[in-house]
C-alpha atoms as a PDB file:
ATOM      1  CA  PRO A   1     -15.869 -50.557 -18.194  1.00  0.00           C
ATOM      2  CA  THR A   2     -12.574 -48.718 -18.467  1.00  0.00           C
ATOM      3  CA  THR A   3     -12.584 -45.491 -20.440  1.00  0.00           C
ATOM      4  CA  THR A   4      -9.750 -45.321 -22.946  1.00  0.00           C
ATOM      5  CA  THR A   5      -8.176 -41.916 -23.525  1.00  0.00           C
ATOM      6  CA  SER A   6      -6.527 -40.614 -26.652  1.00  0.00           C
ATOM      7  CA  PRO A   7      -2.841 -39.645 -26.776  1.00  0.00           C
ATOM      8  CA  GLY A   8      -2.379 -36.304 -25.064  1.00  0.00           C
ATOM      9  CA  ALA A   9      -5.438 -36.780 -22.861  1.00  0.00           C
ATOM     10  CA  ALA A  10      -5.260 -36.223 -19.110  1.00  0.00           C
ATOM     11  CA  PRO A  11      -4.009 -39.265 -17.192  1.00  0.00           C
ATOM     12  CA  ALA A  12      -6.194 -41.496 -15.060  1.00  0.00           C
ATOM     13  CA  LEU A  13      -5.223 -40.998 -11.400  1.00  0.00           C
ATOM     14  CA  ARG A  14      -5.169 -43.106  -8.248  1.00  0.00           C
ATOM     15  CA  VAL A  15      -3.879 -42.908  -4.679  1.00  0.00           C
ATOM     16  CA  SER A  16      -1.094 -45.133  -3.394  1.00  0.00           C
ATOM     17  CA  GLY A  17      -0.042 -44.584   0.206  1.00  0.00           C
ATOM     18  CA  ASN A  18       0.592 -40.856   0.521  1.00  0.00           C
ATOM     19  CA  ARG A  19       1.126 -40.244  -3.177  1.00  0.00           C
ATOM     20  CA  LEU A  20      -1.026 -39.438  -6.181  1.00  0.00           C
ATOM     21  CA  LEU A  21      -0.083 -41.627  -9.145  1.00  0.00           C
ATOM     22  CA  THR A  22      -0.998 -42.018 -12.776  1.00  0.00           C
ATOM     23  CA  SER A  23      -2.340 -45.375 -13.914  1.00  0.00           C
ATOM     24  CA  SER A  24       1.196 -46.239 -15.061  1.00  0.00           C
ATOM     25  CA  GLY A  25       2.539 -45.666 -11.537  1.00  0.00           C
ATOM     26  CA  GLN A  26       4.216 -42.276 -11.971  1.00  0.00           C
ATOM     27  CA  ALA A  27       3.919 -39.670  -9.211  1.00  0.00           C
ATOM     28  CA  TYR A  28       1.708 -36.803 -10.320  1.00  0.00           C
ATOM     29  CA  ARG A  29       1.327 -33.195  -9.188  1.00  0.00           C
ATOM     30  CA  LEU A  30      -1.964 -31.349  -9.710  1.00  0.00           C
ATOM     31  CA  LEU A  31      -0.553 -27.988 -10.771  1.00  0.00           C
ATOM     32  CA  GLY A  32      -3.230 -25.609 -11.938  1.00  0.00           C
ATOM     33  CA  VAL A  33      -5.983 -23.094 -11.292  1.00  0.00           C
ATOM     34  CA  ASN A  34      -9.563 -22.559 -10.196  1.00  0.00           C
ATOM     35  CA  ARG A  35     -12.093 -21.822 -12.933  1.00  0.00           C
ATOM     36  CA  SER A  36     -14.755 -19.940 -10.986  1.00  0.00           C
ATOM     37  CA  SER A  37     -18.327 -18.931 -11.930  1.00  0.00           C
ATOM     38  CA  GLY A  38     -20.039 -22.323 -12.158  1.00  0.00           C
ATOM     39  CA  GLU A  39     -20.850 -21.904  -8.474  1.00  0.00           C
ATOM     40  CA  PHE A  40     -22.500 -18.481  -8.624  1.00  0.00           C
ATOM     41  CA  ALA A  41     -23.422 -17.334 -12.137  1.00  0.00           C
ATOM     42  CA  CYS A  42     -26.545 -19.481 -12.510  1.00  0.00           C
ATOM     43  CA  VAL A  43     -28.105 -18.153  -9.280  1.00  0.00           C
ATOM     44  CA  GLN A  44     -27.164 -14.541 -10.022  1.00  0.00           C
ATOM     45  CA  GLY A  45     -28.750 -14.305 -13.461  1.00  0.00           C
ATOM     46  CA  LYS A  46     -25.373 -14.321 -15.238  1.00  0.00           C
ATOM     47  CA  GLY A  47     -25.746 -17.500 -17.259  1.00  0.00           C
ATOM     48  CA  MET A  48     -23.365 -20.441 -17.008  1.00  0.00           C
ATOM     49  CA  TRP A  49     -19.764 -19.201 -17.169  1.00  0.00           C
ATOM     50  CA  ASP A  50     -19.672 -15.576 -16.070  1.00  0.00           C
ATOM     51  CA  SER A  51     -15.907 -15.018 -16.077  1.00  0.00           C
ATOM     52  CA  GLY A  52     -14.878 -15.539 -19.677  1.00  0.00           C
ATOM     53  CA  PRO A  53     -14.875 -18.299 -22.295  1.00  0.00           C
ATOM     54  CA  VAL A  54     -14.581 -22.062 -21.852  1.00  0.00           C
ATOM     55  CA  ASP A  55     -13.546 -22.780 -25.434  1.00  0.00           C
ATOM     56  CA  GLN A  56     -10.490 -24.354 -27.046  1.00  0.00           C
ATOM     57  CA  ALA A  57      -8.672 -21.025 -27.244  1.00  0.00           C
ATOM     58  CA  SER A  58      -8.992 -20.497 -23.500  1.00  0.00           C
ATOM     59  CA  VAL A  59      -7.757 -24.031 -22.843  1.00  0.00           C
ATOM     60  CA  ASP A  60      -4.796 -23.452 -25.167  1.00  0.00           C
ATOM     61  CA  ALA A  61      -3.954 -20.338 -23.158  1.00  0.00           C
ATOM     62  CA  MET A  62      -3.952 -22.344 -19.929  1.00  0.00           C
ATOM     63  CA  LYS A  63      -1.762 -25.033 -21.478  1.00  0.00           C
ATOM     64  CA  ALA A  64       0.749 -22.341 -22.449  1.00  0.00           C
ATOM     65  CA  TRP A  65       1.031 -21.551 -18.730  1.00  0.00           C
ATOM     66  CA  ASN A  66       1.707 -25.235 -17.928  1.00  0.00           C
ATOM     67  CA  VAL A  67      -1.703 -25.657 -16.294  1.00  0.00           C
ATOM     68  CA  HIS A  68      -2.645 -29.318 -16.114  1.00  0.00           C
ATOM     69  CA  ALA A  69      -5.369 -29.228 -13.453  1.00  0.00           C
ATOM     70  CA  VAL A  70      -8.497 -27.062 -13.379  1.00  0.00           C
ATOM     71  CA  ARG A  71     -10.800 -27.000 -10.363  1.00  0.00           C
ATOM     72  CA  ILE A  72     -14.418 -26.345 -11.333  1.00  0.00           C
ATOM     73  CA  PRO A  73     -16.639 -25.108  -8.456  1.00  0.00           C
ATOM     74  CA  LEU A  74     -20.286 -26.065  -8.921  1.00  0.00           C
ATOM     75  CA  ASN A  75     -23.678 -25.110  -7.540  1.00  0.00           C
ATOM     76  CA  GLU A  76     -25.774 -27.887  -5.987  1.00  0.00           C
ATOM     77  CA  ASP A  77     -29.179 -26.350  -6.755  1.00  0.00           C
ATOM     78  CA  CYS A  78     -28.250 -25.563 -10.356  1.00  0.00           C
ATOM     79  CA  TRP A  79     -26.979 -29.096 -10.944  1.00  0.00           C
ATOM     80  CA  LEU A  80     -30.164 -30.635  -9.522  1.00  0.00           C
ATOM     81  CA  GLY A  81     -32.513 -28.175 -11.227  1.00  0.00           C
ATOM     82  CA  THR A  82     -34.047 -26.906  -7.972  1.00  0.00           C
ATOM     83  CA  TYR A  83     -32.987 -23.247  -8.409  1.00  0.00           C
ATOM     84  CA  GLY A  84     -31.172 -20.981 -10.846  1.00  0.00           C
ATOM     85  CA  THR A  85     -30.884 -20.557 -14.603  1.00  0.00           C
ATOM     86  CA  PRO A  86     -29.489 -22.501 -16.352  1.00  0.00           C
ATOM     87  CA  SER A  87     -30.165 -25.493 -14.158  1.00  0.00           C
ATOM     88  CA  GLY A  88     -30.858 -29.192 -14.377  1.00  0.00           C
ATOM     89  CA  ALA A  89     -29.942 -30.988 -17.595  1.00  0.00           C
ATOM     90  CA  THR A  90     -28.696 -27.803 -19.310  1.00  0.00           C
ATOM     91  CA  TYR A  91     -26.316 -27.012 -16.455  1.00  0.00           C
ATOM     92  CA  GLN A  92     -25.118 -30.610 -16.255  1.00  0.00           C
ATOM     93  CA  GLN A  93     -24.380 -30.771 -19.972  1.00  0.00           C
ATOM     94  CA  ALA A  94     -22.389 -27.542 -19.825  1.00  0.00           C
ATOM     95  CA  VAL A  95     -20.271 -28.989 -17.024  1.00  0.00           C
ATOM     96  CA  LYS A  96     -19.753 -32.241 -18.920  1.00  0.00           C
ATOM     97  CA  ASP A  97     -18.751 -30.423 -22.097  1.00  0.00           C
ATOM     98  CA  TYR A  98     -16.117 -28.393 -20.242  1.00  0.00           C
ATOM     99  CA  VAL A  99     -14.793 -31.407 -18.340  1.00  0.00           C
ATOM    100  CA  ASP A 100     -14.522 -33.420 -21.563  1.00  0.00           C
ATOM    101  CA  LEU A 101     -12.692 -30.550 -23.285  1.00  0.00           C
ATOM    102  CA  LEU A 102     -10.161 -30.301 -20.472  1.00  0.00           C
ATOM    103  CA  VAL A 103      -9.515 -34.049 -20.358  1.00  0.00           C
ATOM    104  CA  ALA A 104      -9.016 -34.195 -24.116  1.00  0.00           C
ATOM    105  CA  ASN A 105      -6.384 -31.478 -23.771  1.00  0.00           C
ATOM    106  CA  GLY A 106      -4.376 -33.223 -21.058  1.00  0.00           C
ATOM    107  CA  ILE A 107      -5.844 -31.255 -18.139  1.00  0.00           C
ATOM    108  CA  ASN A 108      -7.284 -33.049 -15.105  1.00  0.00           C
ATOM    109  CA  PRO A 109     -10.596 -31.486 -14.009  1.00  0.00           C
ATOM    110  CA  ILE A 110     -11.364 -31.271 -10.281  1.00  0.00           C
ATOM    111  CA  VAL A 111     -15.157 -31.151  -9.964  1.00  0.00           C
ATOM    112  CA  GLU A 112     -16.191 -29.551  -6.676  1.00  0.00           C
ATOM    113  CA  MET A 113     -19.405 -28.689  -4.786  1.00  0.00           C
ATOM    114  CA  HIS A 114     -19.035 -25.078  -3.707  1.00  0.00           C
ATOM    115  CA  TRP A 115     -22.448 -23.573  -2.909  1.00  0.00           C
ATOM    116  CA  ASN A 116     -25.222 -25.785  -1.535  1.00  0.00           C
ATOM    117  CA  HIS A 117     -28.745 -25.789  -0.107  1.00  0.00           C
ATOM    118  CA  GLY A 118     -29.489 -25.230   3.595  1.00  0.00           C
ATOM    119  CA  LEU A 119     -30.712 -22.410   5.827  1.00  0.00           C
ATOM    120  CA  TYR A 120     -27.695 -21.132   7.760  1.00  0.00           C
ATOM    121  CA  PRO A 121     -29.134 -18.785  10.453  1.00  0.00           C
ATOM    122  CA  GLU A 122     -28.318 -15.086  10.576  1.00  0.00           C
ATOM    123  CA  ASN A 123     -27.435 -15.086  14.277  1.00  0.00           C
ATOM    124  CA  THR A 124     -24.362 -17.230  13.793  1.00  0.00           C
ATOM    125  CA  THR A 125     -20.793 -16.147  14.358  1.00  0.00           C
ATOM    126  CA  VAL A 126     -19.346 -16.301  10.860  1.00  0.00           C
ATOM    127  CA  GLY A 127     -20.652 -15.981   7.324  1.00  0.00           C
ATOM    128  CA  ALA A 128     -24.404 -16.244   7.891  1.00  0.00           C
ATOM    129  CA  CYS A 129     -26.554 -17.078   4.869  1.00  0.00           C
ATOM    130  CA  ALA A 130     -30.249 -16.425   5.351  1.00  0.00           C
ATOM    131  CA  ASP A 131     -31.198 -17.895   1.960  1.00  0.00           C
ATOM    132  CA  ALA A 132     -31.853 -21.634   2.005  1.00  0.00           C
ATOM    133  CA  ASN A 133     -31.047 -21.755  -1.718  1.00  0.00           C
ATOM    134  CA  ALA A 134     -27.470 -22.237  -2.871  1.00  0.00           C
ATOM    135  CA  THR A 135     -26.731 -18.514  -3.195  1.00  0.00           C
ATOM    136  CA  CYS A 136     -23.823 -18.291  -0.762  1.00  0.00           C
ATOM    137  CA  GLN A 137     -21.270 -20.374   1.088  1.00  0.00           C
ATOM    138  CA  LYS A 138     -22.486 -22.763   3.803  1.00  0.00           C
ATOM    139  CA  PRO A 139     -20.419 -24.447   6.555  1.00  0.00           C
ATOM    140  CA  MET A 140     -21.224 -28.049   5.564  1.00  0.00           C
ATOM    141  CA  PRO A 141     -22.877 -30.011   2.748  1.00  0.00           C
ATOM    142  CA  ASP A 142     -26.575 -30.653   3.338  1.00  0.00           C
ATOM    143  CA  ALA A 143     -28.125 -34.048   3.935  1.00  0.00           C
ATOM    144  CA  GLN A 144     -31.180 -33.073   1.860  1.00  0.00           C
ATOM    145  CA  TYR A 145     -29.484 -32.748  -1.522  1.00  0.00           C
ATOM    146  CA  ALA A 146     -25.709 -33.299  -1.335  1.00  0.00           C
ATOM    147  CA  PRO A 147     -25.798 -37.109  -1.650  1.00  0.00           C
ATOM    148  CA  GLN A 148     -28.110 -36.741  -4.660  1.00  0.00           C
ATOM    149  CA  PHE A 149     -25.720 -34.202  -6.200  1.00  0.00           C
ATOM    150  CA  TRP A 150     -22.730 -36.519  -5.838  1.00  0.00           C
ATOM    151  CA  THR A 151     -24.666 -39.514  -7.093  1.00  0.00           C
ATOM    152  CA  GLY A 152     -25.384 -37.562 -10.259  1.00  0.00           C
ATOM    153  CA  VAL A 153     -21.859 -36.229 -10.704  1.00  0.00           C
ATOM    154  CA  ALA A 154     -20.289 -39.641 -10.040  1.00  0.00           C
ATOM    155  CA  THR A 155     -22.686 -41.354 -12.434  1.00  0.00           C
ATOM    156  CA  MET A 156     -21.780 -38.871 -15.158  1.00  0.00           C
ATOM    157  CA  PHE A 157     -18.009 -39.224 -14.797  1.00  0.00           C
ATOM    158  CA  LYS A 158     -17.497 -42.778 -13.580  1.00  0.00           C
ATOM    159  CA  GLY A 159     -15.169 -44.699 -15.840  1.00  0.00           C
ATOM    160  CA  ASN A 160     -13.092 -41.566 -16.445  1.00  0.00           C
ATOM    161  CA  ASP A 161     -10.519 -41.542 -13.644  1.00  0.00           C
ATOM    162  CA  ALA A 162      -8.860 -38.437 -15.069  1.00  0.00           C
ATOM    163  CA  VAL A 163     -11.661 -36.532 -13.286  1.00  0.00           C
ATOM    164  CA  VAL A 164     -11.136 -35.827  -9.565  1.00  0.00           C
ATOM    165  CA  PHE A 165     -14.024 -35.215  -7.141  1.00  0.00           C
ATOM    166  CA  ASP A 166     -13.639 -32.524  -4.437  1.00  0.00           C
ATOM    167  CA  LEU A 167     -16.618 -33.243  -2.172  1.00  0.00           C
ATOM    168  CA  PHE A 168     -17.006 -29.874  -0.469  1.00  0.00           C
ATOM    169  CA  ASN A 169     -15.162 -26.593  -0.778  1.00  0.00           C
ATOM    170  CA  GLU A 170     -14.340 -25.468   2.770  1.00  0.00           C
ATOM    171  CA  PRO A 171     -16.045 -27.090   5.781  1.00  0.00           C
ATOM    172  CA  TYR A 172     -16.292 -24.967   8.932  1.00  0.00           C
ATOM    173  CA  PRO A 173     -18.929 -26.785  11.030  1.00  0.00           C
ATOM    174  CA  ASP A 174     -17.902 -25.209  14.340  1.00  0.00           C
ATOM    175  CA  ALA A 175     -18.468 -21.587  13.206  1.00  0.00           C
ATOM    176  CA  PRO A 176     -22.207 -21.526  14.099  1.00  0.00           C
ATOM    177  CA  ASN A 177     -21.225 -22.400  17.675  1.00  0.00           C
ATOM    178  CA  GLY A 178     -18.596 -19.694  17.973  1.00  0.00           C
ATOM    179  CA  TRP A 179     -15.851 -22.225  17.241  1.00  0.00           C
ATOM    180  CA  GLY A 180     -16.925 -24.170  20.317  1.00  0.00           C
ATOM    181  CA  LEU A 181     -18.449 -27.312  18.795  1.00  0.00           C
ATOM    182  CA  GLU A 182     -16.712 -30.185  20.566  1.00  0.00           C
ATOM    183  CA  ALA A 183     -17.848 -32.697  17.959  1.00  0.00           C
ATOM    184  CA  THR A 184     -16.379 -30.740  15.044  1.00  0.00           C
ATOM    185  CA  TRP A 185     -14.610 -33.681  13.417  1.00  0.00           C
ATOM    186  CA  THR A 186     -17.473 -36.063  14.178  1.00  0.00           C
ATOM    187  CA  CYS A 187     -19.794 -33.649  12.373  1.00  0.00           C
ATOM    188  CA  TRP A 188     -17.319 -33.451   9.494  1.00  0.00           C
ATOM    189  CA  ARG A 189     -17.300 -37.223   9.047  1.00  0.00           C
ATOM    190  CA  ASP A 190     -20.817 -38.243  10.152  1.00  0.00           C
ATOM    191  CA  GLY A 191     -23.000 -35.153   9.617  1.00  0.00           C
ATOM    192  CA  GLY A 192     -26.197 -34.604  11.596  1.00  0.00           C
ATOM    193  CA  SER A 193     -27.512 -31.548  13.433  1.00  0.00           C
ATOM    194  CA  CYS A 194     -24.002 -30.237  14.241  1.00  0.00           C
ATOM    195  CA  GLY A 195     -24.926 -27.816  17.002  1.00  0.00           C
ATOM    196  CA  ASP A 196     -26.474 -24.566  15.741  1.00  0.00           C
ATOM    197  CA  LEU A 197     -25.880 -25.214  12.052  1.00  0.00           C
ATOM    198  CA  GLY A 198     -29.550 -24.771  11.137  1.00  0.00           C
ATOM    199  CA  TYR A 199     -29.918 -27.733   8.764  1.00  0.00           C
ATOM    200  CA  GLN A 200     -28.988 -31.403   8.738  1.00  0.00           C
ATOM    201  CA  ALA A 201     -25.457 -31.813   7.457  1.00  0.00           C
ATOM    202  CA  ALA A 202     -24.195 -34.592   5.238  1.00  0.00           C
ATOM    203  CA  GLY A 203     -20.989 -36.049   6.616  1.00  0.00           C
ATOM    204  CA  MET A 204     -18.067 -36.839   4.359  1.00  0.00           C
ATOM    205  CA  GLN A 205     -18.625 -40.558   4.878  1.00  0.00           C
ATOM    206  CA  SER A 206     -22.126 -40.369   3.395  1.00  0.00           C
ATOM    207  CA  LEU A 207     -20.825 -38.497   0.353  1.00  0.00           C
ATOM    208  CA  VAL A 208     -17.990 -40.963  -0.192  1.00  0.00           C
ATOM    209  CA  ASP A 209     -20.592 -43.730   0.041  1.00  0.00           C
ATOM    210  CA  ALA A 210     -22.826 -41.969  -2.498  1.00  0.00           C
ATOM    211  CA  VAL A 211     -19.956 -41.720  -4.982  1.00  0.00           C
ATOM    212  CA  ARG A 212     -18.774 -45.306  -4.547  1.00  0.00           C
ATOM    213  CA  ALA A 213     -22.319 -46.705  -4.763  1.00  0.00           C
ATOM    214  CA  THR A 214     -22.362 -45.629  -8.413  1.00  0.00           C
ATOM    215  CA  GLY A 215     -19.295 -47.741  -9.170  1.00  0.00           C
ATOM    216  CA  ALA A 216     -17.090 -44.667  -9.645  1.00  0.00           C
ATOM    217  CA  THR A 217     -13.446 -45.160  -8.609  1.00  0.00           C
ATOM    218  CA  ASN A 218     -12.354 -41.541  -9.175  1.00  0.00           C
ATOM    219  CA  VAL A 219      -9.938 -39.974  -6.693  1.00  0.00           C
ATOM    220  CA  ILE A 220     -11.853 -38.050  -4.004  1.00  0.00           C
ATOM    221  CA  MET A 221     -10.482 -34.925  -2.311  1.00  0.00           C
ATOM    222  CA  LEU A 222     -11.591 -34.035   1.233  1.00  0.00           C
ATOM    223  CA  GLY A 223     -10.816 -30.693   2.852  1.00  0.00           C
ATOM    224  CA  GLY A 224     -10.443 -30.520   6.641  1.00  0.00           C
ATOM    225  CA  VAL A 225     -12.237 -28.094   8.977  1.00  0.00           C
ATOM    226  CA  GLU A 226     -11.894 -24.318   9.484  1.00  0.00           C
ATOM    227  CA  TRP A 227     -12.184 -23.683   5.740  1.00  0.00           C
ATOM    228  CA  SER A 228     -10.129 -26.778   4.840  1.00  0.00           C
ATOM    229  CA  ASN A 229      -7.174 -25.322   6.739  1.00  0.00           C
ATOM    230  CA  ASP A 230      -7.099 -27.632   9.784  1.00  0.00           C
ATOM    231  CA  LEU A 231      -5.987 -31.171   8.937  1.00  0.00           C
ATOM    232  CA  SER A 232      -4.981 -32.111  12.498  1.00  0.00           C
ATOM    233  CA  GLN A 233      -7.566 -34.916  12.840  1.00  0.00           C
ATOM    234  CA  TRP A 234      -7.988 -35.783   9.169  1.00  0.00           C
ATOM    235  CA  LEU A 235      -6.326 -39.186   9.423  1.00  0.00           C
ATOM    236  CA  ALA A 236      -8.181 -40.089  12.619  1.00  0.00           C
ATOM    237  CA  TYR A 237     -11.567 -39.265  11.048  1.00  0.00           C
ATOM    238  CA  ARG A 238     -10.815 -40.253   7.454  1.00  0.00           C
ATOM    239  CA  PRO A 239     -13.923 -41.885   5.922  1.00  0.00           C
ATOM    240  CA  THR A 240     -13.854 -45.515   4.903  1.00  0.00           C
ATOM    241  CA  ASP A 241     -13.305 -45.921   1.171  1.00  0.00           C
ATOM    242  CA  PRO A 242     -13.186 -49.390  -0.418  1.00  0.00           C
ATOM    243  CA  THR A 243     -11.012 -48.079  -3.263  1.00  0.00           C
ATOM    244  CA  GLY A 244      -8.495 -46.284  -1.040  1.00  0.00           C
ATOM    245  CA  ASN A 245      -8.603 -43.309  -3.415  1.00  0.00           C
ATOM    246  CA  LEU A 246      -8.909 -40.461  -0.882  1.00  0.00           C
ATOM    247  CA  MET A 247      -6.810 -37.276  -0.874  1.00  0.00           C
ATOM    248  CA  ALA A 248      -6.506 -34.582   1.789  1.00  0.00           C
ATOM    249  CA  ALA A 249      -7.281 -31.103   0.456  1.00  0.00           C
ATOM    250  CA  TRP A 250      -5.670 -28.125   2.178  1.00  0.00           C
ATOM    251  CA  HIS A 251      -6.523 -24.427   1.696  1.00  0.00           C
ATOM    252  CA  VAL A 252      -4.272 -21.633   2.905  1.00  0.00           C
ATOM    253  CA  TYR A 253      -4.728 -17.844   3.014  1.00  0.00           C
ATOM    254  CA  ASN A 254      -2.649 -15.264   4.848  1.00  0.00           C
ATOM    255  CA  PHE A 255      -5.395 -14.948   7.489  1.00  0.00           C
ATOM    256  CA  ASN A 256      -5.822 -18.672   8.199  1.00  0.00           C
ATOM    257  CA  ALA A 257      -4.845 -20.027  11.604  1.00  0.00           C
ATOM    258  CA  CYS A 258      -2.323 -22.284   9.883  1.00  0.00           C
ATOM    259  CA  SER A 259      -0.857 -19.821   7.378  1.00  0.00           C
ATOM    260  CA  SER A 260       2.887 -20.143   7.947  1.00  0.00           C
ATOM    261  CA  SER A 261       3.597 -23.638   9.284  1.00  0.00           C
END
């Protein structure tokens, strides 16, 4: 069933060629902000939204700044109820309430998995995380829980194509191997052991499949490798998507390898 939106609500979105369009065929730019804390507060004993309110007044303030996209980083364990407080149904409802508020106010939410489960060994080159729980950033989504997470998120928001899914914050699967993993892009797409990662990774194809199996047609964003900064092989390894609604996500900082091109 198609979800109808009220006047002033955020537009349903789709991909056509190399453009993001509204359902009426107009090109659309996702101009906005990150709304952090959903990824860390629940596992740090800080409640749900640590960094300020998520009420109508805060949304009105964002609208005054011409914000019409808000990226919401989430915690895999808290969503699934395996770790953290609040978690499970309480956490999920809080996310849904905020997403619904944004959509009603003309703002497209980008729902994203930021911290996830998986024991990332301490003897690795970059950003080790000795805790298997989702208490820090990992190089890849995990095969144990990530498909279940995206099945739940997609089931909740299917039928509302104003909501965009960002499958994983910043993949860097070659870091555990000192940036020497030859199968970096194969790991990104197909998952598996991925060298010295320390846990079985979920590839982007499996997560796309999990979303589409629910019937959700929402636009899906996929970041490249090296913290979503390297898109050099993105087209060659792009997952298969029956809807064609895939977007490339690119992250840039002043210390990235590709920071000035």
